[in-house]
Amino acid sequence: MAVAMVTTAVEQTPTIDEPVYVGTAVVYVQQHSLRYNPEHPPLGKLIIASGLVFAHPHLDAGFKGDQTALGRRVLYESGNDPWRVMWWARLPVIVLTLLFGLVVLAFARELVGPAGGLVALALYAFSPDVIAHGSLATLDVPASGFLLTSVWLLWRARRRPLLHLPLAGAALGAAVATKMSTLPAVPVLMLLAVASVWHARGLRTPAGTRPVDTPSGTRPPDRPALTRPLGTSAEAQALGASAKARLLGLAAAGATGMALVALAVVWATYFAVDPQLRWTAPADLPAVHGLRGLFVDRLPFPQPYRDGMRVQFGFENATWQGFLFGRLYHGGLWYYLPAALLVKTPLGMQALWLAGAVAMVSIPRLRPAAPYLLIPPALLLAAAMTGSRDLGVRYALFIPVFLAVAAAGVVAFRRRWAHIATAALVLFVAVSSLLTYPYYLPYSNEAFGGPSKTHLRLHDSNVDWGQDLGRLADRLDRRYPHEKVWLVYKGAGVPSYYGIDAADPRKAPPGEVHGLLVVSDTSVAKADGRLAALLATSRPIDEVGHSITIYRR
């Protein structure tokens, strides 16, 4: 996984979102200002900034453009080397992605032993989506990994709540301070915290019994209480009800304490950028009314966080173009994310996810873990399915992260054929993942034709996110030197920086467009008008990275 991510990070040019995060991270470190990219909390960009301090990027303090122009200024207009800047920006996310793999291993091992841990780790490490986005300076993998870490610590709190609940709160706060889309999981994790404390304390004082005092008047904190039956059934019921009430109060206090730690982490990330928390709301800040507006106003988060939520709600109110199974449409489809996951997840992985989920709910010793591993991703997926931006499975990246652990449950089936089938499916996943190397972003499984066919069914960050501009420059230089190039590129890179001398075919009379017509596959999927007419009269002759098609005219 490390080799795959490093190779990908070194070869790929900036994707659409990365320059914004990189530019914002530079402003955080050099100017201590929160004015850019408020729609995402600071922590993910602070993680990116931890690598950028080694790249020493220059940015003139007087820059006044928007966040898109900021990214372009940092990478291409300030004398910086974009290859070097992007490598150092991506490296902290790569390291964090690998560390989350250790969380996957530890969680699964605690549930089903070393064999299950290795199954979970294999599914995580060979996941094309995790590799693809774990090698980018973006926020999806960090948010998903922090959330899984919080759930793992909540599971461990079933035995040592005083130690693990604060740590779970810190991890939850890190997730919420990275992406706002993790907020729907907060109530679920608080309920899981209640369940963990209830379990931990309930083991020590069973209802209907009275603890027997030890010679010192107390009992060791980590050993079950010695008990004796109460004298009468009425006394047992009264003490049992009282004990349950105290236990419920203690569990609620533990969950509240975890939430307060998470809240403190969110505030700390904003103070880390600007200790004075200076903030001016953007002039074009969307107005949010109704229940959403009431919800945002009542959140105990910093004003920049709440205004960032208003920006996100503004995005959700916009109408976006989607592309699924060859159909271009406007608006969101509720089934888009499940369908996209069906295309972009290795077939063996899908089978193991399903078998692991069945094991979690059907095998008694695993059943207590099912709410921890299945409810948070299910709730987040349901929330994401209501969104209006059908732009990629990165909006559901928590699915391969959580279900890698759940899939480890298959080793709990006490059947030799089950173990053989598990090994075969893991091998199938590994081979499918290795065959797509190094083009992980446009991966699709064999049932849908593999990476070379993804652009026929999906678009945007599923296949073409601007990552192959450098590879295109190399291809044109090697195979098509001195030819006239017409380019329609969807991405944040600057073609001329990479030596691509091209014109926009949409701005010239069709009769003048001769030579090579190079089009990003997302632009092909969304083509209309003049571009559609040009494509209809062109012949495809080559492709780059399964994301850019070269035509001959």
Protein backbone atom coordinates (compact mmCIF):
# COMPACT_ATOMS: atom_id res chain seq x y z
CA MET A 1 0.00 0.00 0.00
CA ALA A 2 2.84 2.37 0.83
CA VAL A 3 4.52 1.66 -2.51
CA ALA A 4 1.26 2.16 -4.40
CA MET A 5 0.45 5.45 -2.68
CA VAL A 6 3.95 6.89 -2.98
CA THR A 7 4.11 5.97 -6.67
CA THR A 8 0.73 7.53 -7.28
CA ALA A 9 1.58 10.68 -5.34
CA VAL A 10 4.80 11.18 -7.26
CA GLU A 11 3.28 10.67 -10.72
CA GLN A 12 -0.05 12.49 -10.47
CA THR A 13 -0.58 16.19 -11.09
CA PRO A 14 -2.92 18.16 -8.76
CA THR A 15 -6.51 17.03 -8.68
CA ILE A 16 -9.31 19.59 -8.64
CA ASP A 17 -9.63 20.02 -4.86
CA GLU A 18 -5.98 19.72 -3.84
CA PRO A 19 -4.71 23.21 -4.83
CA VAL A 20 -7.45 24.80 -2.71
CA TYR A 21 -6.42 22.78 0.35
CA VAL A 22 -2.73 23.38 -0.29
CA GLY A 23 -3.19 27.12 -0.75
CA THR A 24 -5.36 27.31 2.37
CA ALA A 25 -2.76 25.36 4.36
CA VAL A 26 -0.07 27.85 3.28
CA VAL A 27 -2.23 30.76 4.42
CA TYR A 28 -2.87 29.00 7.74
CA VAL A 29 0.85 28.67 8.45
CA GLN A 30 2.13 31.93 7.03
CA GLN A 31 -0.72 34.35 7.69
CA HIS A 32 -2.75 32.64 10.46
CA SER A 33 -5.96 33.50 8.66
CA LEU A 34 -9.19 31.49 8.42
CA ARG A 35 -10.58 33.38 5.44
CA TYR A 36 -10.13 30.61 2.85
CA ASN A 37 -12.06 27.36 2.44
CA PRO A 38 -14.42 27.78 5.42
CA GLU A 39 -16.65 24.98 4.12
CA HIS A 40 -14.17 22.53 5.59
CA PRO A 41 -12.82 22.77 9.17
CA PRO A 42 -9.07 23.34 9.60
CA LEU A 43 -7.66 20.03 10.85
CA GLY A 44 -7.27 18.26 7.49
CA LYS A 45 -5.51 21.30 6.04
CA LEU A 46 -3.31 21.57 9.13
CA ILE A 47 -2.28 17.96 8.50
CA ILE A 48 -1.38 18.91 4.93
CA ALA A 49 0.48 21.95 6.28
CA SER A 50 2.65 19.70 8.45
CA GLY A 51 4.26 18.45 5.24
CA LEU A 52 4.34 21.81 3.49
CA VAL A 53 6.64 23.29 6.13
CA PHE A 54 9.40 21.20 4.51
CA ALA A 55 8.61 22.51 1.03
CA HIS A 56 8.85 26.19 2.06
CA PRO A 57 6.29 27.42 -0.51
CA HIS A 58 6.27 31.14 -1.22
CA LEU A 59 3.09 33.21 -1.29
CA ASP A 60 2.98 36.97 -1.45
CA ALA A 61 1.18 38.36 1.59
CA GLY A 62 -0.86 40.79 -0.49
CA PHE A 63 -2.71 38.15 -2.51
CA LYS A 64 -6.47 38.90 -2.58
CA GLY A 65 -8.02 36.35 -4.98
CA ASP A 66 -10.52 33.58 -4.27
CA GLN A 67 -9.50 30.11 -3.09
CA THR A 68 -9.25 28.67 -6.61
CA ALA A 69 -6.93 31.49 -7.66
CA LEU A 70 -5.03 31.01 -4.39
CA GLY A 71 -4.21 27.39 -5.24
CA ARG A 72 -3.08 28.36 -8.73
CA ARG A 73 -0.94 31.18 -7.32
CA VAL A 74 0.84 28.91 -4.82
CA LEU A 75 1.52 26.10 -7.31
CA TYR A 76 2.21 27.91 -10.58
CA GLU A 77 2.61 31.66 -10.15
CA SER A 78 4.91 32.16 -7.15
CA GLY A 79 8.11 30.47 -8.28
CA ASN A 80 7.36 27.24 -6.42
CA ASP A 81 7.93 23.75 -7.85
CA PRO A 82 4.42 22.21 -7.98
CA TRP A 83 5.81 18.67 -8.04
CA ARG A 84 7.75 19.29 -4.83
CA VAL A 85 4.91 21.18 -3.16
CA MET A 86 2.36 18.48 -3.96
CA TRP A 87 4.64 15.69 -2.75
CA TRP A 88 5.13 17.31 0.65
CA ALA A 89 1.41 18.12 0.87
CA ARG A 90 0.44 14.52 0.15
CA LEU A 91 3.01 12.83 2.37
CA PRO A 92 1.24 13.45 5.73
CA VAL A 93 -2.00 12.00 4.34
CA ILE A 94 -0.10 8.93 3.10
CA VAL A 95 1.44 8.40 6.54
CA LEU A 96 -1.93 8.88 8.23
CA THR A 97 -3.57 6.41 5.83
CA LEU A 98 -0.98 3.79 6.74
CA LEU A 99 -1.49 4.43 10.47
CA PHE A 100 -5.23 3.95 10.06
CA GLY A 101 -4.38 0.56 8.58
CA LEU A 102 -2.91 -0.35 11.97
CA VAL A 103 -6.21 0.67 13.59
CA VAL A 104 -8.04 -1.64 11.17
CA LEU A 105 -5.65 -4.45 12.08
CA ALA A 106 -5.93 -3.88 15.84
CA PHE A 107 -9.73 -3.57 15.82
CA ALA A 108 -10.27 -6.73 13.79
CA ARG A 109 -7.69 -8.67 15.79
CA GLU A 110 -9.48 -7.81 19.03
CA LEU A 111 -12.74 -9.08 17.57
CA VAL A 112 -11.71 -12.34 15.89
CA GLY A 113 -7.99 -12.90 16.41
CA PRO A 114 -4.88 -12.57 14.23
CA ALA A 115 -6.34 -14.26 11.15
CA GLY A 116 -9.26 -11.84 11.10
CA GLY A 117 -6.88 -8.95 11.61
CA LEU A 118 -4.93 -9.94 8.53
CA VAL A 119 -8.11 -10.30 6.45
CA ALA A 120 -9.22 -6.81 7.47
CA LEU A 121 -5.79 -5.31 6.84
CA ALA A 122 -5.59 -6.95 3.41
CA LEU A 123 -8.96 -5.53 2.36
CA TYR A 124 -7.97 -2.09 3.60
CA ALA A 125 -4.50 -2.13 2.07
CA PHE A 126 -5.67 -3.36 -1.33
CA SER A 127 -8.75 -1.09 -1.54
CA PRO A 128 -8.34 0.93 -4.77
CA ASP A 129 -10.44 3.78 -3.37
CA VAL A 130 -8.45 4.02 -0.13
CA ILE A 131 -5.16 3.92 -2.05
CA ALA A 132 -6.38 6.49 -4.57
CA HIS A 133 -7.59 9.04 -2.03
CA GLY A 134 -5.03 8.18 0.62
CA SER A 135 -2.32 9.38 -1.77
CA LEU A 136 -3.92 12.80 -2.29
CA ALA A 137 -3.81 15.96 -0.19
CA THR A 138 -7.56 15.74 0.46
CA LEU A 139 -9.79 15.19 3.50
CA ASP A 140 -11.80 12.03 2.84
CA VAL A 141 -9.40 9.39 4.19
CA PRO A 142 -8.41 11.39 7.30
CA ALA A 143 -12.06 11.98 8.24
CA SER A 144 -12.99 8.31 7.74
CA GLY A 145 -9.91 7.07 9.60
CA PHE A 146 -10.43 9.33 12.58
CA LEU A 147 -14.04 8.17 12.80
CA LEU A 148 -13.03 4.50 12.75
CA THR A 149 -10.41 5.21 15.41
CA SER A 150 -13.09 6.75 17.62
CA VAL A 151 -15.34 3.71 17.21
CA TRP A 152 -12.45 1.35 17.98
CA LEU A 153 -11.70 3.27 21.19
CA LEU A 154 -15.38 3.14 22.12
CA TRP A 155 -15.25 -0.62 21.70
CA ARG A 156 -12.24 -0.75 24.00
CA ALA A 157 -14.12 1.44 26.48
CA ARG A 158 -16.35 -1.53 27.20
CA ARG A 159 -13.54 -2.67 29.52
CA ARG A 160 -11.69 0.53 30.48
CA PRO A 161 -14.03 3.48 29.96
CA LEU A 162 -12.03 6.03 31.97
CA LEU A 163 -9.03 5.55 29.70
CA HIS A 164 -10.67 5.14 26.32
CA LEU A 165 -13.68 7.49 26.37
CA PRO A 166 -11.54 10.67 26.37
CA LEU A 167 -9.39 9.22 23.59
CA ALA A 168 -12.53 8.33 21.63
CA GLY A 169 -13.73 11.91 22.09
CA ALA A 170 -10.43 13.25 20.77
CA ALA A 171 -10.65 11.02 17.68
CA LEU A 172 -14.29 12.00 17.12
CA GLY A 173 -13.35 15.65 17.43
CA ALA A 174 -10.60 15.12 14.87
CA ALA A 175 -13.13 13.63 12.43
CA VAL A 176 -15.59 16.50 12.93
CA ALA A 177 -12.73 19.00 12.67
CA THR A 178 -11.74 17.49 9.31
CA LYS A 179 -15.08 17.16 7.48
CA MET A 180 -18.52 18.36 8.46
CA SER A 181 -20.09 15.34 6.77
CA THR A 182 -19.10 13.26 9.83
CA LEU A 183 -21.48 15.21 12.09
CA PRO A 184 -24.43 12.79 11.64
CA ALA A 185 -22.31 10.11 13.33
CA VAL A 186 -21.94 12.11 16.57
CA PRO A 187 -25.29 11.10 18.15
CA VAL A 188 -24.66 7.46 17.24
CA LEU A 189 -21.21 7.48 18.81
CA MET A 190 -22.62 9.09 21.95
CA LEU A 191 -25.14 6.26 22.22
CA LEU A 192 -22.32 3.77 21.70
CA ALA A 193 -20.44 5.50 24.51
CA VAL A 194 -23.46 4.98 26.76
CA ALA A 195 -23.56 1.32 25.76
CA SER A 196 -19.83 0.90 26.45
CA VAL A 197 -20.01 2.43 29.93
CA TRP A 198 -23.16 0.44 30.72
CA HIS A 199 -21.38 -2.75 29.71
CA ALA A 200 -18.21 -1.92 31.63
CA ARG A 201 -19.96 -0.97 34.86
CA GLY A 202 -22.70 -3.55 34.51
CA LEU A 203 -20.09 -6.30 34.60
CA ARG A 204 -18.97 -5.12 38.00
CA THR A 205 -22.30 -4.74 39.85
CA PRO A 206 -25.00 -7.04 38.44
CA ALA A 207 -28.55 -5.90 39.17
CA GLY A 208 -30.19 -7.64 42.11
CA THR A 209 -26.95 -8.16 44.06
CA ARG A 210 -25.07 -6.20 46.69
CA PRO A 211 -21.28 -5.82 46.52
CA VAL A 212 -19.43 -7.52 49.36
CA ASP A 213 -16.89 -5.21 50.96
CA THR A 214 -13.25 -6.24 50.82
CA PRO A 215 -11.16 -5.98 54.01
CA SER A 216 -10.10 -2.47 53.03
CA GLY A 217 -13.68 -1.40 52.39
CA THR A 218 -13.18 -1.19 48.63
CA ARG A 219 -12.53 -3.56 45.77
CA PRO A 220 -9.83 -3.47 43.12
CA PRO A 221 -11.13 -1.32 40.19
CA ASP A 222 -10.42 -3.85 37.46
CA ARG A 223 -11.78 -6.99 39.16
CA PRO A 224 -15.42 -8.08 39.24
CA ALA A 225 -17.22 -7.34 42.50
CA LEU A 226 -17.90 -10.20 44.88
CA THR A 227 -21.65 -10.27 45.44
CA ARG A 228 -24.24 -11.89 47.62
CA PRO A 229 -27.99 -12.14 47.00
CA LEU A 230 -30.20 -9.49 48.56
CA GLY A 231 -32.53 -10.53 51.37
CA THR A 232 -35.96 -9.99 49.77
CA SER A 233 -37.29 -9.67 46.23
CA ALA A 234 -38.64 -6.17 46.99
CA GLU A 235 -35.23 -5.09 48.27
CA ALA A 236 -33.59 -6.61 45.20
CA GLN A 237 -35.95 -4.81 42.84
CA ALA A 238 -35.52 -1.48 44.62
CA LEU A 239 -31.75 -1.69 44.68
CA GLY A 240 -31.75 -3.05 41.14
CA ALA A 241 -33.77 -0.08 39.86
CA SER A 242 -31.58 2.34 41.81
CA ALA A 243 -28.41 0.72 40.49
CA LYS A 244 -29.69 0.91 36.94
CA ALA A 245 -30.56 4.57 37.36
CA ARG A 246 -27.09 5.33 38.74
CA LEU A 247 -25.53 3.29 35.97
CA LEU A 248 -27.53 5.11 33.30
CA GLY A 249 -26.51 8.45 34.76
CA LEU A 250 -22.89 7.39 34.82
CA ALA A 251 -23.09 6.22 31.21
CA ALA A 252 -24.73 9.48 30.13
CA ALA A 253 -22.03 11.43 31.95
CA GLY A 254 -19.36 9.42 30.13
CA ALA A 255 -20.95 10.12 26.74
CA THR A 256 -21.28 13.81 27.59
CA GLY A 257 -17.64 13.93 28.63
CA MET A 258 -16.62 12.33 25.33
CA ALA A 259 -18.67 14.92 23.42
CA LEU A 260 -17.05 17.76 25.37
CA VAL A 261 -13.59 16.45 24.50
CA ALA A 262 -14.61 16.29 20.83
CA LEU A 263 -15.92 19.85 21.04
CA ALA A 264 -12.67 21.02 22.62
CA VAL A 265 -10.70 19.46 19.76
CA VAL A 266 -12.77 21.33 17.18
CA TRP A 267 -12.23 24.64 18.96
CA ALA A 268 -8.51 23.88 19.36
CA THR A 269 -8.05 23.42 15.61
CA TYR A 270 -9.43 26.90 14.95
CA PHE A 271 -7.28 28.45 17.69
CA ALA A 272 -4.26 26.64 16.23
CA VAL A 273 -4.76 28.63 13.01
CA ASP A 274 -5.62 31.95 14.63
CA PRO A 275 -5.40 32.27 18.44
CA GLN A 276 -7.50 35.44 18.19
CA LEU A 277 -10.16 33.67 16.09
CA ARG A 278 -10.58 36.63 13.76
CA TRP A 279 -13.34 36.00 11.27
CA THR A 280 -15.34 37.94 8.74
CA ALA A 281 -18.22 36.10 7.09
CA PRO A 282 -18.00 35.97 3.27
CA ALA A 283 -20.13 38.51 1.47
CA ASP A 284 -21.87 35.76 -0.52
CA LEU A 285 -22.60 33.53 2.50
CA PRO A 286 -25.82 31.59 1.74
CA ALA A 287 -28.79 32.19 4.02
CA VAL A 288 -29.99 29.01 5.75
CA HIS A 289 -33.58 28.94 7.03
CA GLY A 290 -35.91 26.49 8.72
CA LEU A 291 -34.67 23.54 10.74
CA ARG A 292 -31.26 23.70 9.09
CA GLY A 293 -30.83 27.31 10.12
CA LEU A 294 -31.97 26.55 13.67
CA PHE A 295 -29.55 23.61 13.84
CA VAL A 296 -26.59 25.68 12.64
CA ASP A 297 -27.37 28.54 15.03
CA ARG A 298 -27.52 26.20 18.04
CA LEU A 299 -24.27 24.34 17.42
CA PRO A 300 -21.61 25.10 20.07
CA PHE A 301 -18.90 25.47 17.42
CA PRO A 302 -16.86 28.52 16.40
CA GLN A 303 -18.56 31.00 14.08
CA PRO A 304 -16.30 30.05 11.12
CA TYR A 305 -17.43 26.42 11.49
CA ARG A 306 -21.10 27.39 11.50
CA ASP A 307 -20.64 29.71 8.53
CA GLY A 308 -18.83 26.89 6.75
CA MET A 309 -21.90 24.74 7.29
CA ARG A 310 -23.97 27.45 5.62
CA VAL A 311 -21.63 27.27 2.63
CA GLN A 312 -22.12 23.48 2.51
CA PHE A 313 -25.89 23.85 2.64
CA GLY A 314 -25.59 26.35 -0.19
CA PHE A 315 -23.76 23.71 -2.24
CA GLU A 316 -26.53 21.23 -1.49
CA ASN A 317 -29.16 23.69 -2.69
CA ALA A 318 -27.42 24.06 -6.05
CA THR A 319 -28.18 21.80 -9.03
CA TRP A 320 -25.24 19.66 -10.09
CA GLN A 321 -24.72 17.44 -13.11
CA GLY A 322 -24.37 13.73 -12.51
CA PHE A 323 -23.34 10.84 -14.75
CA LEU A 324 -24.23 7.23 -14.03
CA PHE A 325 -24.17 4.23 -16.37
CA GLY A 326 -23.86 6.47 -19.42
CA ARG A 327 -26.70 8.80 -18.46
CA LEU A 328 -26.07 12.51 -17.92
CA TYR A 329 -28.62 14.11 -15.59
CA HIS A 330 -29.20 17.13 -13.36
CA GLY A 331 -29.73 16.86 -9.63
CA GLY A 332 -28.99 13.94 -7.32
CA LEU A 333 -30.05 10.30 -7.54
CA TRP A 334 -30.66 8.69 -4.16
CA TYR A 335 -29.10 5.41 -5.35
CA TYR A 336 -26.02 6.99 -6.91
CA LEU A 337 -23.52 6.13 -4.16
CA PRO A 338 -24.57 2.45 -3.78
CA ALA A 339 -24.42 2.08 -7.57
CA ALA A 340 -21.02 3.76 -7.78
CA LEU A 341 -19.68 1.56 -4.97
CA LEU A 342 -20.94 -1.47 -6.86
CA VAL A 343 -18.82 -0.42 -9.83
CA LYS A 344 -15.71 0.70 -8.00
CA THR A 345 -15.35 -1.96 -5.30
CA PRO A 346 -13.50 -5.23 -6.09
CA LEU A 347 -15.95 -8.10 -6.41
CA GLY A 348 -14.20 -10.22 -3.78
CA MET A 349 -14.32 -7.30 -1.37
CA GLN A 350 -18.07 -6.91 -1.86
CA ALA A 351 -18.58 -10.60 -1.10
CA LEU A 352 -16.47 -10.41 2.06
CA TRP A 353 -18.26 -7.25 3.22
CA LEU A 354 -21.60 -9.02 2.93
CA ALA A 355 -20.37 -12.22 4.60
CA GLY A 356 -18.72 -10.22 7.39
CA ALA A 357 -21.90 -8.24 8.06
CA VAL A 358 -23.86 -11.50 8.25
CA ALA A 359 -21.29 -12.89 10.67
CA MET A 360 -21.51 -9.78 12.85
CA VAL A 361 -25.26 -10.09 13.35
CA SER A 362 -25.55 -13.89 13.43
CA ILE A 363 -22.62 -15.11 15.54
CA PRO A 364 -23.38 -14.49 19.23
CA ARG A 365 -19.86 -13.54 20.30
CA LEU A 366 -19.59 -10.97 17.50
CA ARG A 367 -23.08 -9.54 17.86
CA PRO A 368 -22.09 -6.88 20.43
CA ALA A 369 -19.69 -5.40 17.87
CA ALA A 370 -22.32 -5.11 15.12
CA PRO A 371 -23.72 -1.72 16.25
CA TYR A 372 -20.20 -0.29 16.41
CA LEU A 373 -19.18 -1.38 12.93
CA LEU A 374 -22.43 -1.34 10.97
CA ILE A 375 -24.61 1.48 12.28
CA PRO A 376 -22.21 4.46 11.86
CA PRO A 377 -21.36 3.77 8.20
CA ALA A 378 -24.99 2.91 7.41
CA LEU A 379 -26.18 6.21 8.89
CA LEU A 380 -23.47 8.22 7.12
CA LEU A 381 -24.28 6.50 3.83
CA ALA A 382 -27.97 7.29 4.26
CA ALA A 383 -27.11 10.94 4.93
CA ALA A 384 -24.75 11.08 1.93
CA MET A 385 -27.42 9.55 -0.33
CA THR A 386 -29.65 12.56 0.32
CA GLY A 387 -27.00 14.93 -1.06
CA SER A 388 -27.18 16.68 -4.40
CA ARG A 389 -23.54 16.18 -5.44
CA ASP A 390 -23.15 12.88 -7.30
CA LEU A 391 -19.43 13.40 -7.84
CA GLY A 392 -17.74 10.26 -6.57
CA VAL A 393 -17.47 7.45 -4.04
CA ARG A 394 -15.13 9.65 -2.00
CA TYR A 395 -18.31 10.90 -0.32
CA ALA A 396 -18.70 7.36 1.07
CA LEU A 397 -15.08 6.45 1.71
CA PHE A 398 -15.98 5.39 5.25
CA ILE A 399 -17.62 2.29 3.73
CA PRO A 400 -14.39 0.46 2.71
CA VAL A 401 -12.72 1.64 5.93
CA PHE A 402 -15.39 0.33 8.33
CA LEU A 403 -16.40 -2.74 6.36
CA ALA A 404 -12.81 -3.94 6.13
CA VAL A 405 -13.05 -4.56 9.88
CA ALA A 406 -16.54 -6.03 9.65
CA ALA A 407 -15.39 -8.43 6.92
CA ALA A 408 -12.96 -9.99 9.40
CA GLY A 409 -15.97 -11.67 10.97
CA VAL A 410 -15.89 -14.32 8.23
CA VAL A 411 -13.07 -16.15 10.04
CA ALA A 412 -15.49 -16.80 12.93
CA PHE A 413 -17.43 -19.25 10.75
CA ARG A 414 -16.20 -22.65 11.92
CA ARG A 415 -16.13 -24.25 8.50
CA ARG A 416 -13.07 -25.21 6.52
CA TRP A 417 -14.74 -24.24 3.25
CA ALA A 418 -15.41 -20.76 4.67
CA HIS A 419 -11.72 -20.25 5.41
CA ILE A 420 -10.73 -21.46 1.95
CA ALA A 421 -13.30 -19.19 0.32
CA THR A 422 -12.08 -16.25 2.40
CA ALA A 423 -8.48 -16.80 1.34
CA ALA A 424 -9.54 -17.09 -2.31
CA LEU A 425 -11.59 -13.89 -2.17
CA VAL A 426 -8.78 -11.94 -0.50
CA LEU A 427 -6.42 -13.16 -3.24
CA PHE A 428 -8.95 -12.09 -5.88
CA VAL A 429 -9.09 -8.61 -4.32
CA ALA A 430 -5.30 -8.38 -4.26
CA VAL A 431 -4.95 -9.39 -7.91
CA SER A 432 -7.70 -6.99 -9.03
CA SER A 433 -6.05 -4.15 -7.12
CA LEU A 434 -2.55 -4.90 -8.39
CA LEU A 435 -3.72 -5.07 -11.99
CA THR A 436 -4.98 -1.49 -11.87
CA TYR A 437 -1.60 -0.16 -10.66
CA PRO A 438 -0.81 2.75 -10.86
CA TYR A 439 -4.22 4.02 -12.00
CA TYR A 440 -6.24 3.63 -8.82
CA LEU A 441 -8.54 6.64 -9.17
CA PRO A 442 -10.34 5.29 -12.29
CA TYR A 443 -10.60 1.73 -10.93
CA SER A 444 -13.71 -0.34 -11.61
CA ASN A 445 -14.10 -4.06 -11.08
CA GLU A 446 -14.10 -6.79 -13.69
CA ALA A 447 -17.88 -7.02 -13.91
CA PHE A 448 -17.90 -3.48 -15.33
CA GLY A 449 -14.94 -3.84 -17.65
CA GLY A 450 -12.07 -2.67 -15.46
CA PRO A 451 -10.41 0.78 -15.25
CA SER A 452 -10.42 1.38 -19.00
CA LYS A 453 -14.25 1.32 -19.04
CA THR A 454 -14.99 3.36 -15.91
CA HIS A 455 -15.48 6.57 -17.91
CA LEU A 456 -18.42 4.95 -19.70
CA ARG A 457 -20.33 4.64 -16.42
CA LEU A 458 -19.04 7.29 -14.00
CA HIS A 459 -17.33 10.67 -14.08
CA ASP A 460 -15.55 13.27 -11.96
CA SER A 461 -13.48 11.96 -9.01
CA ASN A 462 -14.47 8.38 -9.85
CA VAL A 463 -12.28 8.46 -12.93
CA ASP A 464 -11.07 11.88 -14.08
CA TRP A 465 -10.12 14.44 -11.45
CA GLY A 466 -7.38 16.20 -13.38
CA GLN A 467 -4.68 13.82 -12.15
CA ASP A 468 -3.09 12.89 -15.48
CA LEU A 469 -1.96 16.20 -16.94
CA GLY A 470 1.70 15.33 -16.41
CA ARG A 471 1.26 11.92 -17.99
CA LEU A 472 -0.48 13.58 -20.95
CA ALA A 473 2.50 15.89 -21.43
CA ASP A 474 4.85 12.88 -21.53
CA ARG A 475 2.60 11.02 -23.98
CA LEU A 476 2.34 13.95 -26.37
CA ASP A 477 6.10 14.49 -26.26
CA ARG A 478 6.92 10.83 -26.94
CA ARG A 479 4.27 9.80 -29.45
CA TYR A 480 2.96 12.98 -31.05
CA PRO A 481 5.77 15.55 -31.22
CA HIS A 482 5.19 18.71 -33.24
CA GLU A 483 1.48 17.97 -33.83
CA LYS A 484 -1.24 20.56 -33.35
CA VAL A 485 -3.04 19.92 -30.05
CA TRP A 486 -6.56 20.99 -29.10
CA LEU A 487 -7.30 20.46 -25.43
CA VAL A 488 -10.41 20.33 -23.21
CA TYR A 489 -8.99 19.61 -19.77
CA LYS A 490 -11.01 19.29 -16.56
CA GLY A 491 -8.68 19.94 -13.68
CA ALA A 492 -6.73 22.41 -11.60
CA GLY A 493 -3.38 22.01 -13.36
CA VAL A 494 -1.95 24.54 -15.79
CA PRO A 495 -1.20 22.73 -19.10
CA SER A 496 1.44 25.21 -20.25
CA TYR A 497 3.52 24.59 -17.13
CA TYR A 498 3.92 20.95 -18.18
CA GLY A 499 4.90 21.90 -21.71
CA ILE A 500 1.51 21.38 -23.36
CA ASP A 501 0.94 24.02 -26.05
CA ALA A 502 -2.76 23.62 -26.84
CA ALA A 503 -5.80 25.64 -27.87
CA ASP A 504 -9.43 25.30 -26.82
CA PRO A 505 -11.40 23.73 -29.72
CA ARG A 506 -14.64 25.24 -28.43
CA LYS A 507 -13.34 28.72 -29.24
CA ALA A 508 -12.41 28.01 -32.86
CA PRO A 509 -14.51 27.32 -35.98
CA PRO A 510 -14.99 23.53 -36.31
CA GLY A 511 -13.34 23.58 -39.74
CA GLU A 512 -10.09 24.75 -38.20
CA VAL A 513 -9.89 22.01 -35.56
CA HIS A 514 -7.46 19.54 -37.13
CA GLY A 515 -4.78 17.35 -35.54
CA LEU A 516 -5.09 15.96 -32.04
CA LEU A 517 -8.22 16.60 -30.00
CA VAL A 518 -7.46 15.78 -26.34
CA VAL A 519 -10.45 15.67 -23.97
CA SER A 520 -10.78 14.77 -20.29
CA ASP A 521 -13.24 11.90 -19.95
CA THR A 522 -15.49 13.89 -17.61
CA SER A 523 -15.78 16.52 -20.34
CA VAL A 524 -16.59 13.74 -22.80
CA ALA A 525 -19.38 12.50 -20.51
CA LYS A 526 -20.82 16.02 -20.20
CA ALA A 527 -20.20 17.11 -23.79
CA ASP A 528 -22.88 19.10 -25.55
CA GLY A 529 -23.10 21.66 -28.33
CA ARG A 530 -19.85 22.31 -30.18
CA LEU A 531 -17.75 19.80 -28.22
CA ALA A 532 -20.28 17.02 -28.83
CA ALA A 533 -20.21 17.80 -32.57
CA LEU A 534 -16.41 17.72 -32.62
CA LEU A 535 -16.31 14.38 -30.80
CA ALA A 536 -18.86 12.90 -33.18
CA THR A 537 -16.54 13.63 -36.11
CA SER A 538 -13.30 12.52 -34.43
CA ARG A 539 -11.61 9.15 -34.14
CA PRO A 540 -10.24 7.98 -30.73
CA ILE A 541 -6.64 6.80 -31.10
CA ASP A 542 -5.18 6.77 -27.57
CA GLU A 543 -5.91 7.24 -23.88
CA VAL A 544 -3.88 8.46 -20.90
CA GLY A 545 -4.33 7.04 -17.41
CA HIS A 546 -7.86 5.85 -18.25
CA SER A 547 -8.96 9.48 -17.69
CA ILE A 548 -8.04 11.39 -20.88
CA THR A 549 -8.88 10.37 -24.46
CA ILE A 550 -6.89 11.45 -27.50
CA TYR A 551 -8.77 11.79 -30.78
CA ARG A 552 -7.55 12.31 -34.34
CA ARG A 553 -9.21 14.93 -36.52
